[in-house]
N, C-alpha and C. Protein backbone atom coordinates (compact mmCIF):
# COMPACT_ATOMS: atom_id res chain seq x y z
N MET A 1 236.61 0.44 -32.35
CA MET A 1 236.56 0.33 -30.90
C MET A 1 237.72 -0.54 -30.45
N LYS A 2 238.43 -0.10 -29.45
CA LYS A 2 239.54 -0.89 -28.91
C LYS A 2 239.08 -1.62 -27.65
N TYR A 3 239.48 -2.88 -27.51
CA TYR A 3 239.10 -3.70 -26.37
C TYR A 3 240.33 -4.14 -25.58
N GLY A 4 240.12 -4.39 -24.30
CA GLY A 4 241.15 -4.92 -23.42
C GLY A 4 240.46 -5.70 -22.31
N PHE A 5 241.23 -6.42 -21.52
CA PHE A 5 240.68 -7.13 -20.36
C PHE A 5 241.10 -6.38 -19.11
N ARG A 6 240.23 -6.35 -18.11
CA ARG A 6 240.60 -5.73 -16.83
C ARG A 6 241.77 -6.45 -16.19
N GLN A 7 241.79 -7.76 -16.29
CA GLN A 7 242.89 -8.55 -15.74
C GLN A 7 243.53 -9.32 -16.88
N ALA A 8 244.72 -8.92 -17.26
CA ALA A 8 245.42 -9.57 -18.36
C ALA A 8 245.72 -11.02 -18.00
N GLY A 9 245.69 -11.88 -19.00
CA GLY A 9 246.07 -13.28 -18.80
C GLY A 9 244.98 -14.16 -18.25
N ARG A 10 243.79 -13.64 -18.04
CA ARG A 10 242.72 -14.45 -17.47
C ARG A 10 242.06 -15.34 -18.53
N PHE A 11 242.07 -14.89 -19.77
CA PHE A 11 241.41 -15.62 -20.85
C PHE A 11 242.42 -16.06 -21.89
N LYS A 12 242.12 -17.16 -22.55
CA LYS A 12 243.02 -17.70 -23.58
C LYS A 12 242.61 -17.22 -24.97
N VAL A 13 242.10 -16.00 -25.04
CA VAL A 13 241.75 -15.35 -26.30
C VAL A 13 242.20 -13.90 -26.21
N GLY A 14 242.39 -13.29 -27.36
CA GLY A 14 242.77 -11.88 -27.38
C GLY A 14 241.57 -10.98 -27.13
N PRO A 15 241.76 -9.89 -26.41
CA PRO A 15 240.63 -9.02 -26.08
C PRO A 15 240.02 -8.34 -27.31
N GLN A 16 240.84 -7.97 -28.28
CA GLN A 16 240.30 -7.28 -29.46
C GLN A 16 239.41 -8.22 -30.27
N GLU A 17 239.92 -9.41 -30.51
CA GLU A 17 239.15 -10.39 -31.27
C GLU A 17 237.87 -10.77 -30.52
N ALA A 18 237.98 -10.98 -29.21
CA ALA A 18 236.80 -11.34 -28.42
C ALA A 18 235.78 -10.21 -28.41
N GLY A 19 236.25 -8.98 -28.21
CA GLY A 19 235.33 -7.84 -28.17
C GLY A 19 234.60 -7.64 -29.48
N GLU A 20 235.34 -7.71 -30.58
CA GLU A 20 234.71 -7.54 -31.90
C GLU A 20 233.72 -8.66 -32.18
N PHE A 21 234.08 -9.90 -31.81
CA PHE A 21 233.18 -11.03 -32.02
C PHE A 21 231.90 -10.87 -31.19
N LEU A 22 232.06 -10.50 -29.91
CA LEU A 22 230.89 -10.36 -29.04
C LEU A 22 230.00 -9.19 -29.48
N GLU A 23 230.61 -8.12 -29.97
CA GLU A 23 229.81 -6.99 -30.46
C GLU A 23 229.01 -7.41 -31.69
N SER A 24 229.65 -8.17 -32.59
CA SER A 24 228.96 -8.67 -33.77
C SER A 24 227.82 -9.62 -33.36
N LEU A 25 228.08 -10.47 -32.38
CA LEU A 25 227.06 -11.38 -31.88
C LEU A 25 225.90 -10.60 -31.26
N ARG A 26 226.23 -9.57 -30.48
CA ARG A 26 225.18 -8.74 -29.86
C ARG A 26 224.26 -8.16 -30.92
N ILE A 27 224.83 -7.64 -31.97
CA ILE A 27 224.03 -7.03 -33.05
C ILE A 27 223.17 -8.09 -33.72
N SER A 28 223.77 -9.27 -33.99
CA SER A 28 223.00 -10.34 -34.65
C SER A 28 221.90 -10.90 -33.75
N CYS A 29 222.01 -10.68 -32.43
CA CYS A 29 221.00 -11.17 -31.48
C CYS A 29 220.00 -10.07 -31.12
N GLY A 30 219.89 -9.06 -31.94
CA GLY A 30 218.90 -8.02 -31.69
C GLY A 30 219.31 -7.01 -30.65
N GLY A 31 220.62 -6.87 -30.42
CA GLY A 31 221.10 -5.84 -29.50
C GLY A 31 221.34 -6.29 -28.08
N ILE A 32 221.17 -7.58 -27.80
CA ILE A 32 221.41 -8.08 -26.44
C ILE A 32 222.31 -9.31 -26.49
N LEU A 33 223.08 -9.49 -25.43
CA LEU A 33 223.91 -10.69 -25.27
C LEU A 33 223.43 -11.45 -24.05
N THR A 34 223.36 -12.75 -24.17
CA THR A 34 223.05 -13.60 -23.02
C THR A 34 224.15 -14.64 -22.90
N PRO A 35 224.43 -15.12 -21.69
CA PRO A 35 225.43 -16.18 -21.56
C PRO A 35 225.15 -17.40 -22.44
N PRO A 36 223.88 -17.89 -22.54
CA PRO A 36 223.66 -19.04 -23.43
C PRO A 36 224.03 -18.74 -24.90
N ALA A 37 223.75 -17.54 -25.37
CA ALA A 37 224.09 -17.19 -26.75
C ALA A 37 225.60 -17.16 -26.94
N VAL A 38 226.32 -16.65 -25.92
CA VAL A 38 227.77 -16.59 -26.01
C VAL A 38 228.36 -18.00 -26.02
N VAL A 39 227.88 -18.87 -25.15
CA VAL A 39 228.39 -20.25 -25.12
C VAL A 39 228.08 -20.96 -26.43
N ASP A 40 226.86 -20.77 -26.95
CA ASP A 40 226.51 -21.39 -28.24
C ASP A 40 227.45 -20.91 -29.35
N ALA A 41 227.74 -19.61 -29.37
CA ALA A 41 228.62 -19.05 -30.40
C ALA A 41 230.06 -19.51 -30.21
N ALA A 42 230.44 -19.85 -28.99
CA ALA A 42 231.81 -20.28 -28.69
C ALA A 42 232.03 -21.77 -28.93
N THR A 43 230.96 -22.53 -29.07
CA THR A 43 231.07 -23.98 -29.16
C THR A 43 231.88 -24.47 -30.36
N PRO A 44 231.68 -23.95 -31.56
CA PRO A 44 232.50 -24.46 -32.68
C PRO A 44 233.99 -24.22 -32.42
N PRO A 45 234.81 -25.22 -32.66
CA PRO A 45 236.25 -25.08 -32.40
C PRO A 45 236.92 -23.93 -33.13
N ASP A 46 236.35 -23.50 -34.25
CA ASP A 46 236.95 -22.38 -34.99
C ASP A 46 236.39 -21.02 -34.57
N SER A 47 235.54 -20.99 -33.54
CA SER A 47 235.02 -19.71 -33.03
C SER A 47 236.16 -18.91 -32.42
N PRO A 48 236.17 -17.60 -32.65
CA PRO A 48 237.24 -16.76 -32.08
C PRO A 48 237.30 -16.79 -30.55
N ILE A 49 236.19 -17.15 -29.91
CA ILE A 49 236.18 -17.17 -28.44
C ILE A 49 236.14 -18.59 -27.86
N HIS A 50 236.30 -19.59 -28.72
CA HIS A 50 236.24 -20.99 -28.28
C HIS A 50 237.21 -21.26 -27.12
N ASN A 51 238.44 -20.75 -27.22
CA ASN A 51 239.46 -21.05 -26.21
C ASN A 51 239.27 -20.29 -24.90
N ALA A 52 238.26 -19.43 -24.82
CA ALA A 52 237.96 -18.75 -23.57
C ALA A 52 237.21 -19.67 -22.60
N PHE A 53 236.80 -20.83 -23.10
CA PHE A 53 235.99 -21.75 -22.30
C PHE A 53 236.70 -23.08 -22.09
N THR A 54 236.31 -23.76 -21.02
CA THR A 54 236.81 -25.11 -20.74
C THR A 54 235.82 -26.10 -21.33
N TRP A 55 236.28 -26.89 -22.28
CA TRP A 55 235.38 -27.81 -22.97
C TRP A 55 235.50 -29.24 -22.47
N GLU A 56 236.51 -29.56 -21.70
CA GLU A 56 236.65 -30.89 -21.13
C GLU A 56 235.71 -30.94 -19.93
N ASP A 57 234.69 -31.80 -19.99
CA ASP A 57 233.59 -31.74 -19.04
C ASP A 57 233.97 -31.95 -17.59
N SER A 58 234.87 -32.88 -17.27
CA SER A 58 235.20 -33.09 -15.86
C SER A 58 235.95 -31.88 -15.30
N GLU A 59 236.83 -31.28 -16.10
CA GLU A 59 237.53 -30.07 -15.66
C GLU A 59 236.55 -28.91 -15.50
N ALA A 60 235.63 -28.78 -16.46
CA ALA A 60 234.64 -27.71 -16.39
C ALA A 60 233.74 -27.88 -15.16
N ALA A 61 233.40 -29.12 -14.84
CA ALA A 61 232.55 -29.38 -13.68
C ALA A 61 233.26 -28.96 -12.39
N THR A 62 234.54 -29.27 -12.28
CA THR A 62 235.31 -28.87 -11.10
C THR A 62 235.39 -27.36 -11.01
N GLU A 63 235.68 -26.72 -12.14
CA GLU A 63 235.75 -25.25 -12.15
C GLU A 63 234.41 -24.64 -11.74
N TYR A 64 233.32 -25.22 -12.23
CA TYR A 64 232.00 -24.69 -11.89
C TYR A 64 231.71 -24.85 -10.40
N ARG A 65 232.09 -25.97 -9.81
CA ARG A 65 231.88 -26.15 -8.37
C ARG A 65 232.72 -25.16 -7.57
N LEU A 66 233.94 -24.87 -8.03
CA LEU A 66 234.75 -23.84 -7.36
C LEU A 66 234.07 -22.48 -7.47
N HIS A 67 233.50 -22.20 -8.64
CA HIS A 67 232.76 -20.95 -8.82
C HIS A 67 231.56 -20.90 -7.87
N GLN A 68 230.85 -22.00 -7.73
CA GLN A 68 229.72 -22.06 -6.80
C GLN A 68 230.17 -21.84 -5.36
N ALA A 69 231.32 -22.41 -5.00
CA ALA A 69 231.84 -22.21 -3.65
C ALA A 69 232.14 -20.73 -3.41
N ARG A 70 232.74 -20.06 -4.41
CA ARG A 70 233.02 -18.62 -4.27
C ARG A 70 231.72 -17.84 -4.12
N LEU A 71 230.72 -18.19 -4.93
CA LEU A 71 229.44 -17.50 -4.83
C LEU A 71 228.83 -17.67 -3.44
N LEU A 72 228.89 -18.89 -2.93
CA LEU A 72 228.35 -19.16 -1.60
C LEU A 72 229.03 -18.29 -0.55
N MET A 73 230.36 -18.26 -0.58
CA MET A 73 231.10 -17.46 0.41
C MET A 73 230.87 -15.96 0.20
N ASN A 74 230.76 -15.53 -1.04
CA ASN A 74 230.57 -14.11 -1.32
C ASN A 74 229.16 -13.60 -0.98
N HIS A 75 228.19 -14.48 -0.99
CA HIS A 75 226.81 -14.04 -0.78
C HIS A 75 226.26 -14.32 0.61
N LEU A 76 227.01 -15.04 1.42
CA LEU A 76 226.54 -15.33 2.76
C LEU A 76 226.70 -14.10 3.65
N VAL A 77 225.66 -13.78 4.41
CA VAL A 77 225.73 -12.64 5.33
C VAL A 77 225.48 -13.11 6.75
N ARG A 78 225.96 -12.33 7.68
CA ARG A 78 225.62 -12.55 9.09
C ARG A 78 224.58 -11.51 9.46
N ILE A 79 223.74 -11.87 10.38
CA ILE A 79 222.65 -10.98 10.78
C ILE A 79 222.79 -10.71 12.26
N ARG A 80 222.78 -9.43 12.61
CA ARG A 80 222.83 -9.05 14.03
C ARG A 80 221.71 -8.06 14.31
N GLU A 81 221.22 -8.14 15.52
CA GLU A 81 220.18 -7.21 15.96
C GLU A 81 220.85 -5.92 16.41
N VAL A 82 220.31 -4.80 15.99
CA VAL A 82 220.87 -3.49 16.34
C VAL A 82 219.77 -2.70 17.04
N GLY A 83 219.61 -2.94 18.33
CA GLY A 83 218.63 -2.20 19.12
C GLY A 83 217.25 -2.20 18.50
N ASP A 84 216.64 -1.03 18.50
CA ASP A 84 215.30 -0.88 17.95
C ASP A 84 215.29 -0.82 16.43
N GLU A 85 216.47 -0.70 15.85
CA GLU A 85 216.56 -0.57 14.40
C GLU A 85 216.30 -1.88 13.67
N GLY A 86 216.30 -2.98 14.38
CA GLY A 86 216.06 -4.26 13.75
C GLY A 86 217.34 -4.92 13.28
N PRO A 87 217.20 -5.95 12.47
CA PRO A 87 218.38 -6.70 12.03
C PRO A 87 219.23 -5.91 11.02
N GLU A 88 220.54 -6.18 11.09
CA GLU A 88 221.50 -5.58 10.16
C GLU A 88 222.31 -6.70 9.56
N GLU A 89 222.47 -6.67 8.25
CA GLU A 89 223.24 -7.70 7.56
C GLU A 89 224.63 -7.17 7.24
N TYR A 90 225.62 -8.06 7.29
CA TYR A 90 226.97 -7.73 6.85
C TYR A 90 227.62 -9.00 6.32
N ARG A 91 228.62 -8.83 5.47
CA ARG A 91 229.28 -9.97 4.84
C ARG A 91 229.85 -10.92 5.88
N ALA A 92 229.61 -12.20 5.68
CA ALA A 92 230.15 -13.19 6.60
C ALA A 92 231.63 -13.46 6.32
N PHE A 93 231.99 -13.48 5.04
CA PHE A 93 233.37 -13.80 4.65
C PHE A 93 233.89 -12.76 3.67
N VAL A 94 235.18 -12.51 3.73
CA VAL A 94 235.83 -11.59 2.79
C VAL A 94 236.96 -12.34 2.11
N HIS A 95 237.20 -11.95 0.86
CA HIS A 95 238.26 -12.56 0.07
C HIS A 95 239.56 -11.81 0.34
N ILE A 96 240.63 -12.55 0.55
CA ILE A 96 241.94 -11.98 0.85
C ILE A 96 242.93 -12.45 -0.22
N ARG A 97 243.73 -11.52 -0.70
CA ARG A 97 244.84 -11.84 -1.61
C ARG A 97 246.11 -11.32 -0.96
N THR A 98 247.04 -12.21 -0.70
CA THR A 98 248.30 -11.77 -0.11
C THR A 98 249.32 -11.56 -1.20
N ASP A 99 250.31 -10.74 -0.93
CA ASP A 99 251.39 -10.50 -1.88
C ASP A 99 252.26 -11.73 -2.01
N ALA A 100 252.95 -11.82 -3.12
CA ALA A 100 253.88 -12.91 -3.35
C ALA A 100 255.05 -12.81 -2.37
N THR A 101 255.52 -13.96 -1.94
CA THR A 101 256.70 -14.03 -1.07
C THR A 101 257.65 -15.06 -1.67
N GLU A 102 258.80 -15.19 -1.06
CA GLU A 102 259.75 -16.19 -1.54
C GLU A 102 259.16 -17.59 -1.38
N ASP A 103 258.45 -17.82 -0.27
CA ASP A 103 257.84 -19.13 -0.01
C ASP A 103 256.60 -19.39 -0.87
N VAL A 104 255.84 -18.32 -1.16
CA VAL A 104 254.61 -18.44 -1.93
C VAL A 104 254.66 -17.42 -3.07
N PRO A 105 255.32 -17.80 -4.19
CA PRO A 105 255.55 -16.84 -5.29
C PRO A 105 254.28 -16.24 -5.88
N GLN A 106 253.18 -16.98 -5.83
CA GLN A 106 251.92 -16.48 -6.39
C GLN A 106 251.09 -15.69 -5.37
N GLY A 107 251.57 -15.61 -4.14
CA GLY A 107 250.73 -15.05 -3.09
C GLY A 107 249.68 -16.08 -2.71
N ARG A 108 248.83 -15.72 -1.78
CA ARG A 108 247.76 -16.63 -1.36
C ARG A 108 246.42 -15.98 -1.60
N ARG A 109 245.42 -16.79 -1.86
CA ARG A 109 244.04 -16.33 -2.00
C ARG A 109 243.19 -17.22 -1.12
N PHE A 110 242.40 -16.58 -0.27
CA PHE A 110 241.54 -17.35 0.63
C PHE A 110 240.44 -16.45 1.15
N TYR A 111 239.50 -17.05 1.86
CA TYR A 111 238.42 -16.32 2.51
C TYR A 111 238.60 -16.46 4.01
N THR A 112 238.19 -15.44 4.72
CA THR A 112 238.15 -15.50 6.18
C THR A 112 236.95 -14.70 6.65
N SER A 113 236.58 -14.86 7.90
CA SER A 113 235.44 -14.09 8.40
C SER A 113 235.81 -12.61 8.44
N LEU A 114 234.81 -11.78 8.29
CA LEU A 114 235.05 -10.34 8.36
C LEU A 114 235.65 -9.97 9.71
N GLU A 115 235.17 -10.58 10.78
CA GLU A 115 235.69 -10.28 12.12
C GLU A 115 237.17 -10.62 12.24
N ALA A 116 237.55 -11.81 11.74
CA ALA A 116 238.96 -12.22 11.82
C ALA A 116 239.83 -11.27 11.00
N ALA A 117 239.35 -10.87 9.84
CA ALA A 117 240.12 -9.94 9.00
C ALA A 117 240.30 -8.59 9.70
N MET A 118 239.29 -8.11 10.37
CA MET A 118 239.36 -6.80 11.02
C MET A 118 240.26 -6.82 12.26
N ARG A 119 240.48 -8.00 12.84
CA ARG A 119 241.37 -8.11 14.00
C ARG A 119 242.84 -8.18 13.61
N ASP A 120 243.14 -8.61 12.39
CA ASP A 120 244.51 -8.76 11.93
C ASP A 120 244.91 -7.51 11.14
N PRO A 121 245.93 -6.76 11.57
CA PRO A 121 246.29 -5.51 10.90
C PRO A 121 246.57 -5.65 9.40
N ASP A 122 247.26 -6.71 8.99
CA ASP A 122 247.56 -6.88 7.56
C ASP A 122 246.30 -7.21 6.76
N LEU A 123 245.47 -8.10 7.30
CA LEU A 123 244.23 -8.47 6.60
C LEU A 123 243.26 -7.28 6.57
N ARG A 124 243.22 -6.54 7.67
CA ARG A 124 242.37 -5.34 7.72
C ARG A 124 242.78 -4.36 6.64
N ALA A 125 244.08 -4.13 6.48
CA ALA A 125 244.56 -3.22 5.45
C ALA A 125 244.17 -3.72 4.06
N GLU A 126 244.26 -5.03 3.84
CA GLU A 126 243.86 -5.63 2.56
C GLU A 126 242.38 -5.39 2.28
N VAL A 127 241.52 -5.63 3.27
CA VAL A 127 240.08 -5.45 3.10
C VAL A 127 239.76 -3.98 2.82
N LEU A 128 240.37 -3.09 3.57
CA LEU A 128 240.09 -1.66 3.37
C LEU A 128 240.63 -1.17 2.04
N GLU A 129 241.77 -1.67 1.61
CA GLU A 129 242.31 -1.28 0.31
C GLU A 129 241.43 -1.81 -0.82
N ARG A 130 240.92 -3.01 -0.65
CA ARG A 130 239.99 -3.55 -1.64
C ARG A 130 238.74 -2.68 -1.69
N ALA A 131 238.23 -2.25 -0.54
CA ALA A 131 237.05 -1.38 -0.52
C ALA A 131 237.34 -0.08 -1.26
N ARG A 132 238.51 0.47 -1.04
CA ARG A 132 238.90 1.71 -1.73
C ARG A 132 238.95 1.47 -3.24
N GLY A 133 239.55 0.37 -3.64
CA GLY A 133 239.64 0.04 -5.07
C GLY A 133 238.26 -0.14 -5.70
N GLU A 134 237.35 -0.77 -4.97
CA GLU A 134 236.00 -0.97 -5.48
C GLU A 134 235.26 0.37 -5.60
N LEU A 135 235.51 1.26 -4.65
CA LEU A 135 234.90 2.59 -4.71
C LEU A 135 235.42 3.36 -5.92
N ILE A 136 236.73 3.30 -6.15
CA ILE A 136 237.32 3.96 -7.32
C ILE A 136 236.77 3.34 -8.60
N SER A 137 236.65 2.03 -8.62
CA SER A 137 236.12 1.34 -9.79
C SER A 137 234.67 1.76 -10.05
N TRP A 138 233.86 1.82 -9.01
CA TRP A 138 232.47 2.26 -9.16
C TRP A 138 232.42 3.68 -9.71
N ARG A 139 233.27 4.53 -9.16
CA ARG A 139 233.32 5.93 -9.60
C ARG A 139 233.66 6.01 -11.09
N SER A 140 234.62 5.22 -11.51
CA SER A 140 235.04 5.21 -12.91
C SER A 140 233.95 4.63 -13.82
N ARG A 141 233.31 3.56 -13.37
CA ARG A 141 232.28 2.90 -14.17
C ARG A 141 231.11 3.82 -14.47
N TYR A 142 230.77 4.70 -13.53
CA TYR A 142 229.61 5.56 -13.70
C TYR A 142 229.98 7.03 -13.88
N ALA A 143 231.20 7.29 -14.29
CA ALA A 143 231.70 8.66 -14.42
C ALA A 143 230.89 9.51 -15.40
N ASP A 144 230.33 8.90 -16.42
CA ASP A 144 229.62 9.65 -17.45
C ASP A 144 228.16 9.94 -17.11
N LEU A 145 227.68 9.45 -15.99
CA LEU A 145 226.27 9.68 -15.63
C LEU A 145 226.13 11.00 -14.86
N GLN A 146 225.64 12.01 -15.53
CA GLN A 146 225.48 13.32 -14.92
C GLN A 146 224.52 13.30 -13.73
N GLU A 147 223.59 12.35 -13.75
CA GLU A 147 222.64 12.23 -12.64
C GLU A 147 223.35 11.92 -11.31
N LEU A 148 224.56 11.42 -11.39
CA LEU A 148 225.31 11.05 -10.19
C LEU A 148 226.40 12.07 -9.84
N ALA A 149 226.39 13.23 -10.48
CA ALA A 149 227.47 14.20 -10.30
C ALA A 149 227.70 14.57 -8.83
N LYS A 150 226.62 14.78 -8.07
CA LYS A 150 226.79 15.15 -6.66
C LYS A 150 227.39 14.00 -5.86
N ILE A 151 226.99 12.79 -6.17
CA ILE A 151 227.55 11.62 -5.48
C ILE A 151 229.02 11.46 -5.87
N HIS A 152 229.33 11.67 -7.15
CA HIS A 152 230.73 11.57 -7.60
C HIS A 152 231.61 12.55 -6.84
N ALA A 153 231.12 13.76 -6.64
CA ALA A 153 231.91 14.76 -5.91
C ALA A 153 232.19 14.29 -4.49
N LYS A 154 231.19 13.71 -3.85
CA LYS A 154 231.38 13.20 -2.48
C LYS A 154 232.34 12.01 -2.46
N VAL A 155 232.21 11.13 -3.44
CA VAL A 155 233.11 9.98 -3.53
C VAL A 155 234.54 10.46 -3.74
N ASP A 156 234.73 11.46 -4.62
CA ASP A 156 236.08 12.00 -4.87
C ASP A 156 236.69 12.54 -3.58
N ARG A 157 235.89 13.26 -2.78
CA ARG A 157 236.40 13.80 -1.51
C ARG A 157 236.74 12.66 -0.55
N LEU A 158 235.90 11.65 -0.51
CA LEU A 158 236.16 10.51 0.37
C LEU A 158 237.45 9.79 -0.03
N ILE A 159 237.65 9.58 -1.30
CA ILE A 159 238.87 8.91 -1.77
C ILE A 159 240.10 9.74 -1.41
N ASP A 160 239.99 11.07 -1.58
CA ASP A 160 241.11 11.96 -1.24
C ASP A 160 241.44 11.92 0.25
N LYS A 161 240.43 11.69 1.08
CA LYS A 161 240.62 11.68 2.53
C LYS A 161 240.89 10.29 3.07
N TRP A 162 240.96 9.28 2.20
CA TRP A 162 241.15 7.89 2.65
C TRP A 162 242.40 7.82 3.53
N PRO A 163 242.34 7.13 4.64
CA PRO A 163 243.50 7.08 5.55
C PRO A 163 244.77 6.63 4.84
N SER A 164 245.84 7.39 5.05
CA SER A 164 247.09 7.12 4.34
C SER A 164 247.67 5.75 4.69
N ALA A 165 247.37 5.23 5.85
CA ALA A 165 247.88 3.90 6.24
C ALA A 165 247.27 2.80 5.39
N VAL A 166 246.15 3.10 4.75
CA VAL A 166 245.46 2.10 3.97
C VAL A 166 245.76 2.27 2.48
N LYS A 167 246.14 3.46 2.06
CA LYS A 167 246.41 3.70 0.65
C LYS A 167 247.56 2.84 0.16
N ALA A 168 247.45 2.45 -1.09
CA ALA A 168 248.51 1.61 -1.68
C ALA A 168 249.78 2.40 -1.86
């Protein structure tokens, strides 16, 4: 089995070594993997996945709080009343990634309200392109499920008809 990472450079371990190690761990754990089992297996310094984790506690604590902040922003919804239909929920904040520029070589990453993003043409395009990418990703993730064949066909047509101004 060949392994890779969806985003290269995110982890300080090789994908093949990590994948083979985690598969071996899954088998030794009765066919299931849990985060606590993975962290336990990664704890020894000679573990193949040890370097995928932050072991310096103050740095790890800061990273965890940043992760919690992202979770908070990603899971918060706004609620509006829609006539007789009752309340409707929608995301309060959306994540934005801007392209690299001369002034900001890494680009920018931030959250803004969904309303603010939809009012700004560049941010709107970013949000809609991310939605398209997530739809394509979902389609790919479940491509082998025949039970979803009719939905896949509709998703394929939707992707083909996606507004050209939003396509990458």
